[in-house]
């Protein structure tokens, strides 16, 4: 099969990359066979078998895209590079929102289209960063991660438009 694709592209004047090109078995509910390659990466997405739900609520396995591990790590690295202060911060939450929201909204727009639950796992890092910021800013919350998390959850409930990740449900539960 790979040789047929290689010949077809050669007729058009194109070539396949010898190391990157591979055939991938798109395993799902209807094709349960075991093969060597069952996943591939394309445009920062990982395509692989994932659990999905049909319109009747029944779960099944389908071949779906989601954010790749390297892209998820890149998002965490970018948040870390923003250097949100965790000790005696002069920033307000509004200023932090202006700093972080353009990045987060872009990630939501791009990676949130397919399998958004994987993106929400990554955006929890943004939430954790804001909790650390709260614990450093307010003496009352120092060393009290759960309280800081609830405080951030209350702010998100009161004004969900403030932070981009709050709009898609990536917030701490309010106790």
C-alpha atoms as a PDB file:
ATOM      1  CA  UNK A   1       0.000   0.000   0.000  1.00  0.00           C
ATOM      2  CA  UNK A   2       2.804   2.392   0.926  1.00  0.00           C
ATOM      3  CA  UNK A   3       4.558   1.644  -2.343  1.00  0.00           C
ATOM      4  CA  UNK A   4       1.381   2.485  -4.301  1.00  0.00           C
ATOM      5  CA  UNK A   5       1.114   5.838  -2.522  1.00  0.00           C
ATOM      6  CA  UNK A   6       4.808   6.510  -3.167  1.00  0.00           C
ATOM      7  CA  UNK A   7       4.364   5.795  -6.925  1.00  0.00           C
ATOM      8  CA  UNK A   8       1.220   7.929  -7.122  1.00  0.00           C
ATOM      9  CA  UNK A   9       2.948  10.916  -5.535  1.00  0.00           C
ATOM     10  CA  UNK A  10       6.023  10.420  -7.728  1.00  0.00           C
ATOM     11  CA  UNK A  11       3.778  10.786 -10.801  1.00  0.00           C
ATOM     12  CA  UNK A  12       2.751  14.200  -9.429  1.00  0.00           C
ATOM     13  CA  UNK A  13       6.361  15.215  -8.762  1.00  0.00           C
ATOM     14  CA  UNK A  14       6.147  14.740  -4.986  1.00  0.00           C
ATOM     15  CA  UNK A  15       8.086  12.484  -2.637  1.00  0.00           C
ATOM     16  CA  UNK A  16       7.403  10.973   0.782  1.00  0.00           C
ATOM     17  CA  UNK A  17       9.737  11.591   3.697  1.00  0.00           C
ATOM     18  CA  UNK A  18      11.537   8.266   4.199  1.00  0.00           C
ATOM     19  CA  UNK A  19      11.630   8.416   8.027  1.00  0.00           C
ATOM     20  CA  UNK A  20       8.374  10.190   8.840  1.00  0.00           C
ATOM     21  CA  UNK A  21       6.068   8.317   6.483  1.00  0.00           C
ATOM     22  CA  UNK A  22       4.323   5.280   7.914  1.00  0.00           C
ATOM     23  CA  UNK A  23       1.027   3.481   7.559  1.00  0.00           C
ATOM     24  CA  UNK A  24      -1.251   3.806  10.567  1.00  0.00           C
ATOM     25  CA  UNK A  25      -4.035   1.415  11.470  1.00  0.00           C
ATOM     26  CA  UNK A  26      -7.083   3.483  12.485  1.00  0.00           C
ATOM     27  CA  UNK A  27      -8.291   1.201  15.250  1.00  0.00           C
ATOM     28  CA  UNK A  28     -11.841   1.743  16.514  1.00  0.00           C
ATOM     29  CA  UNK A  29     -14.907  -0.228  17.612  1.00  0.00           C
ATOM     30  CA  UNK A  30     -15.383  -1.816  14.177  1.00  0.00           C
ATOM     31  CA  UNK A  31     -11.659  -2.478  13.573  1.00  0.00           C
ATOM     32  CA  UNK A  32     -10.266  -4.010  16.803  1.00  0.00           C
ATOM     33  CA  UNK A  33      -7.149  -5.688  15.327  1.00  0.00           C
ATOM     34  CA  UNK A  34      -3.742  -5.121  16.926  1.00  0.00           C
ATOM     35  CA  UNK A  35      -1.073  -3.380  14.815  1.00  0.00           C
ATOM     36  CA  UNK A  36       2.284  -1.703  15.383  1.00  0.00           C
ATOM     37  CA  UNK A  37       1.226   1.853  14.499  1.00  0.00           C
ATOM     38  CA  UNK A  38      -2.162   2.952  15.831  1.00  0.00           C
ATOM     39  CA  UNK A  39      -1.521   6.694  16.313  1.00  0.00           C
ATOM     40  CA  UNK A  40      -0.018   9.619  14.428  1.00  0.00           C
ATOM     41  CA  UNK A  41       0.724  13.307  14.994  1.00  0.00           C
ATOM     42  CA  UNK A  42      -0.469  16.054  12.663  1.00  0.00           C
ATOM     43  CA  UNK A  43      -0.737  19.831  13.208  1.00  0.00           C
ATOM     44  CA  UNK A  44      -0.140  19.534  16.985  1.00  0.00           C
ATOM     45  CA  UNK A  45      -2.862  16.905  17.355  1.00  0.00           C
ATOM     46  CA  UNK A  46      -2.522  13.236  18.199  1.00  0.00           C
ATOM     47  CA  UNK A  47      -4.890  10.987  16.299  1.00  0.00           C
ATOM     48  CA  UNK A  48      -5.482   7.723  18.162  1.00  0.00           C
ATOM     49  CA  UNK A  49      -8.285   5.483  19.446  1.00  0.00           C
ATOM     50  CA  UNK A  50     -10.273   7.310  22.128  1.00  0.00           C
ATOM     51  CA  UNK A  51     -13.437   6.780  24.088  1.00  0.00           C
ATOM     52  CA  UNK A  52     -16.465   8.590  22.647  1.00  0.00           C
ATOM     53  CA  UNK A  53     -20.187   8.726  23.405  1.00  0.00           C
ATOM     54  CA  UNK A  54     -22.959   8.316  20.854  1.00  0.00           C
ATOM     55  CA  UNK A  55     -26.204  10.299  20.840  1.00  0.00           C
ATOM     56  CA  UNK A  56     -27.872   7.703  23.065  1.00  0.00           C
ATOM     57  CA  UNK A  57     -25.208   8.006  25.760  1.00  0.00           C
ATOM     58  CA  UNK A  58     -23.473   4.702  24.991  1.00  0.00           C
ATOM     59  CA  UNK A  59     -19.660   4.721  25.045  1.00  0.00           C
ATOM     60  CA  UNK A  60     -17.586   3.310  22.185  1.00  0.00           C
ATOM     61  CA  UNK A  61     -14.037   3.530  20.816  1.00  0.00           C
ATOM     62  CA  UNK A  62     -13.389   5.806  17.863  1.00  0.00           C
ATOM     63  CA  UNK A  63     -10.287   7.163  16.096  1.00  0.00           C
ATOM     64  CA  UNK A  64     -10.221  10.813  17.165  1.00  0.00           C
ATOM     65  CA  UNK A  65      -7.801  13.769  17.400  1.00  0.00           C
ATOM     66  CA  UNK A  66      -6.846  15.626  20.593  1.00  0.00           C
ATOM     67  CA  UNK A  67      -4.053  17.911  21.722  1.00  0.00           C
ATOM     68  CA  UNK A  68      -0.673  16.156  21.539  1.00  0.00           C
ATOM     69  CA  UNK A  69       1.596  15.678  24.543  1.00  0.00           C
ATOM     70  CA  UNK A  70       4.253  17.956  23.064  1.00  0.00           C
ATOM     71  CA  UNK A  71       1.700  20.731  22.525  1.00  0.00           C
ATOM     72  CA  UNK A  72       0.382  20.309  26.060  1.00  0.00           C
ATOM     73  CA  UNK A  73       3.922  20.615  27.412  1.00  0.00           C
ATOM     74  CA  UNK A  74       4.466  23.698  25.239  1.00  0.00           C
ATOM     75  CA  UNK A  75       1.369  25.307  26.793  1.00  0.00           C
ATOM     76  CA  UNK A  76       2.645  24.590  30.311  1.00  0.00           C
ATOM     77  CA  UNK A  77       6.064  25.983  29.365  1.00  0.00           C
ATOM     78  CA  UNK A  78       4.474  29.152  27.961  1.00  0.00           C
ATOM     79  CA  UNK A  79       2.512  29.719  31.180  1.00  0.00           C
ATOM     80  CA  UNK A  80       5.720  29.203  33.142  1.00  0.00           C
ATOM     81  CA  UNK A  81       7.554  31.699  30.890  1.00  0.00           C
ATOM     82  CA  UNK A  82       4.944  34.363  31.670  1.00  0.00           C
ATOM     83  CA  UNK A  83       6.448  34.336  35.163  1.00  0.00           C
ATOM     84  CA  UNK A  84       3.288  34.975  37.137  1.00  0.00           C
ATOM     85  CA  UNK A  85       4.649  36.174  40.505  1.00  0.00           C
ATOM     86  CA  UNK A  86       3.875  34.007  43.510  1.00  0.00           C
ATOM     87  CA  UNK A  87       5.251  36.238  46.253  1.00  0.00           C
ATOM     88  CA  UNK A  88       3.954  39.683  47.228  1.00  0.00           C
ATOM     89  CA  UNK A  89       2.421  40.376  43.855  1.00  0.00           C
ATOM     90  CA  UNK A  90       1.497  43.889  42.844  1.00  0.00           C
ATOM     91  CA  UNK A  91      -0.691  42.528  40.045  1.00  0.00           C
ATOM     92  CA  UNK A  92      -4.451  42.458  40.393  1.00  0.00           C
ATOM     93  CA  UNK A  93      -6.530  39.582  39.042  1.00  0.00           C
ATOM     94  CA  UNK A  94      -7.724  41.826  36.193  1.00  0.00           C
ATOM     95  CA  UNK A  95      -4.130  42.516  35.162  1.00  0.00           C
ATOM     96  CA  UNK A  96      -3.284  38.819  35.261  1.00  0.00           C
ATOM     97  CA  UNK A  97      -6.354  38.112  33.164  1.00  0.00           C
ATOM     98  CA  UNK A  98      -5.181  40.633  30.552  1.00  0.00           C
ATOM     99  CA  UNK A  99      -1.778  38.927  30.520  1.00  0.00           C
ATOM    100  CA  UNK A 100      -2.975  35.325  30.302  1.00  0.00           C
ATOM    101  CA  UNK A 101      -6.295  35.508  28.411  1.00  0.00           C
ATOM    102  CA  UNK A 102      -4.953  36.088  24.860  1.00  0.00           C
ATOM    103  CA  UNK A 103      -2.866  32.925  25.095  1.00  0.00           C
ATOM    104  CA  UNK A 104      -5.574  30.822  26.725  1.00  0.00           C
ATOM    105  CA  UNK A 105      -8.277  31.976  24.309  1.00  0.00           C
ATOM    106  CA  UNK A 106      -6.074  31.095  21.341  1.00  0.00           C
ATOM    107  CA  UNK A 107      -5.430  27.619  22.733  1.00  0.00           C
ATOM    108  CA  UNK A 108      -9.144  27.131  23.386  1.00  0.00           C
ATOM    109  CA  UNK A 109      -9.989  28.213  19.840  1.00  0.00           C
ATOM    110  CA  UNK A 110      -7.432  25.865  18.270  1.00  0.00           C
ATOM    111  CA  UNK A 111      -7.265  22.804  20.523  1.00  0.00           C
ATOM    112  CA  UNK A 112     -10.793  22.973  21.935  1.00  0.00           C
ATOM    113  CA  UNK A 113     -12.452  21.888  18.698  1.00  0.00           C
ATOM    114  CA  UNK A 114     -11.618  18.207  19.078  1.00  0.00           C
ATOM    115  CA  UNK A 115     -11.802  16.288  22.355  1.00  0.00           C
ATOM    116  CA  UNK A 116     -11.857  19.364  24.629  1.00  0.00           C
ATOM    117  CA  UNK A 117     -11.556  17.278  27.798  1.00  0.00           C
ATOM    118  CA  UNK A 118      -7.861  16.727  27.000  1.00  0.00           C
ATOM    119  CA  UNK A 119      -7.377  20.498  26.701  1.00  0.00           C
ATOM    120  CA  UNK A 120      -9.128  21.043  30.035  1.00  0.00           C
ATOM    121  CA  UNK A 121      -6.535  18.801  31.701  1.00  0.00           C
ATOM    122  CA  UNK A 122      -3.817  21.096  30.356  1.00  0.00           C
ATOM    123  CA  UNK A 123      -5.664  24.280  31.322  1.00  0.00           C
ATOM    124  CA  UNK A 124      -5.809  23.047  34.903  1.00  0.00           C
ATOM    125  CA  UNK A 125      -2.173  24.166  35.015  1.00  0.00           C
ATOM    126  CA  UNK A 126      -3.374  27.750  34.448  1.00  0.00           C
ATOM    127  CA  UNK A 127      -5.768  27.294  37.356  1.00  0.00           C
ATOM    128  CA  UNK A 128      -2.972  25.953  39.578  1.00  0.00           C
ATOM    129  CA  UNK A 129      -0.776  28.918  38.641  1.00  0.00           C
ATOM    130  CA  UNK A 130      -3.534  31.341  39.661  1.00  0.00           C
ATOM    131  CA  UNK A 131      -4.027  29.474  42.950  1.00  0.00           C
ATOM    132  CA  UNK A 132      -0.298  29.825  43.695  1.00  0.00           C
ATOM    133  CA  UNK A 133      -0.561  33.537  42.839  1.00  0.00           C
ATOM    134  CA  UNK A 134      -3.497  33.937  45.272  1.00  0.00           C
ATOM    135  CA  UNK A 135      -1.619  32.130  48.043  1.00  0.00           C
ATOM    136  CA  UNK A 136       1.330  34.476  47.580  1.00  0.00           C
ATOM    137  CA  UNK A 137      -0.705  37.650  47.325  1.00  0.00           C
ATOM    138  CA  UNK A 138      -2.954  37.238  50.356  1.00  0.00           C
ATOM    139  CA  UNK A 139      -1.579  36.319  53.793  1.00  0.00           C
ATOM    140  CA  UNK A 140      -4.854  34.704  54.791  1.00  0.00           C
ATOM    141  CA  UNK A 141      -4.462  32.127  51.980  1.00  0.00           C
ATOM    142  CA  UNK A 142      -0.770  31.274  52.465  1.00  0.00           C
ATOM    143  CA  UNK A 143      -0.329  27.547  52.806  1.00  0.00           C
ATOM    144  CA  UNK A 144      -4.053  26.975  52.252  1.00  0.00           C
ATOM    145  CA  UNK A 145      -4.317  25.667  48.735  1.00  0.00           C
ATOM    146  CA  UNK A 146      -7.898  24.447  49.091  1.00  0.00           C
ATOM    147  CA  UNK A 147      -9.083  27.828  50.412  1.00  0.00           C
ATOM    148  CA  UNK A 148      -7.284  29.663  47.622  1.00  0.00           C
ATOM    149  CA  UNK A 149      -8.816  27.301  45.084  1.00  0.00           C
ATOM    150  CA  UNK A 150     -12.305  27.897  46.471  1.00  0.00           C
ATOM    151  CA  UNK A 151     -11.706  31.646  46.503  1.00  0.00           C
ATOM    152  CA  UNK A 152     -10.740  31.528  42.825  1.00  0.00           C
ATOM    153  CA  UNK A 153     -13.802  29.384  42.121  1.00  0.00           C
ATOM    154  CA  UNK A 154     -16.035  31.996  43.776  1.00  0.00           C
ATOM    155  CA  UNK A 155     -14.503  34.738  41.648  1.00  0.00           C
ATOM    156  CA  UNK A 156     -15.046  32.627  38.534  1.00  0.00           C
ATOM    157  CA  UNK A 157     -18.661  31.992  39.495  1.00  0.00           C
ATOM    158  CA  UNK A 158     -19.253  35.678  40.191  1.00  0.00           C
ATOM    159  CA  UNK A 159     -17.627  36.877  36.944  1.00  0.00           C
ATOM    160  CA  UNK A 160     -17.048  34.020  34.468  1.00  0.00           C
ATOM    161  CA  UNK A 161     -16.080  36.438  31.710  1.00  0.00           C
ATOM    162  CA  UNK A 162     -12.930  37.490  33.582  1.00  0.00           C
ATOM    163  CA  UNK A 163     -10.751  34.474  32.730  1.00  0.00           C
ATOM    164  CA  UNK A 164     -10.952  32.661  29.382  1.00  0.00           C
ATOM    165  CA  UNK A 165     -10.560  29.176  30.846  1.00  0.00           C
ATOM    166  CA  UNK A 166     -13.506  29.790  33.209  1.00  0.00           C
ATOM    167  CA  UNK A 167     -15.845  30.161  30.236  1.00  0.00           C
ATOM    168  CA  UNK A 168     -15.312  26.532  29.219  1.00  0.00           C
ATOM    169  CA  UNK A 169     -15.609  25.114  32.741  1.00  0.00           C
ATOM    170  CA  UNK A 170     -11.983  24.835  33.907  1.00  0.00           C
ATOM    171  CA  UNK A 171     -12.536  26.207  37.392  1.00  0.00           C
ATOM    172  CA  UNK A 172     -12.175  24.998  40.934  1.00  0.00           C
ATOM    173  CA  UNK A 173     -15.335  23.764  42.611  1.00  0.00           C
ATOM    174  CA  UNK A 174     -16.899  26.228  45.007  1.00  0.00           C
ATOM    175  CA  UNK A 175     -17.554  24.658  48.400  1.00  0.00           C
END
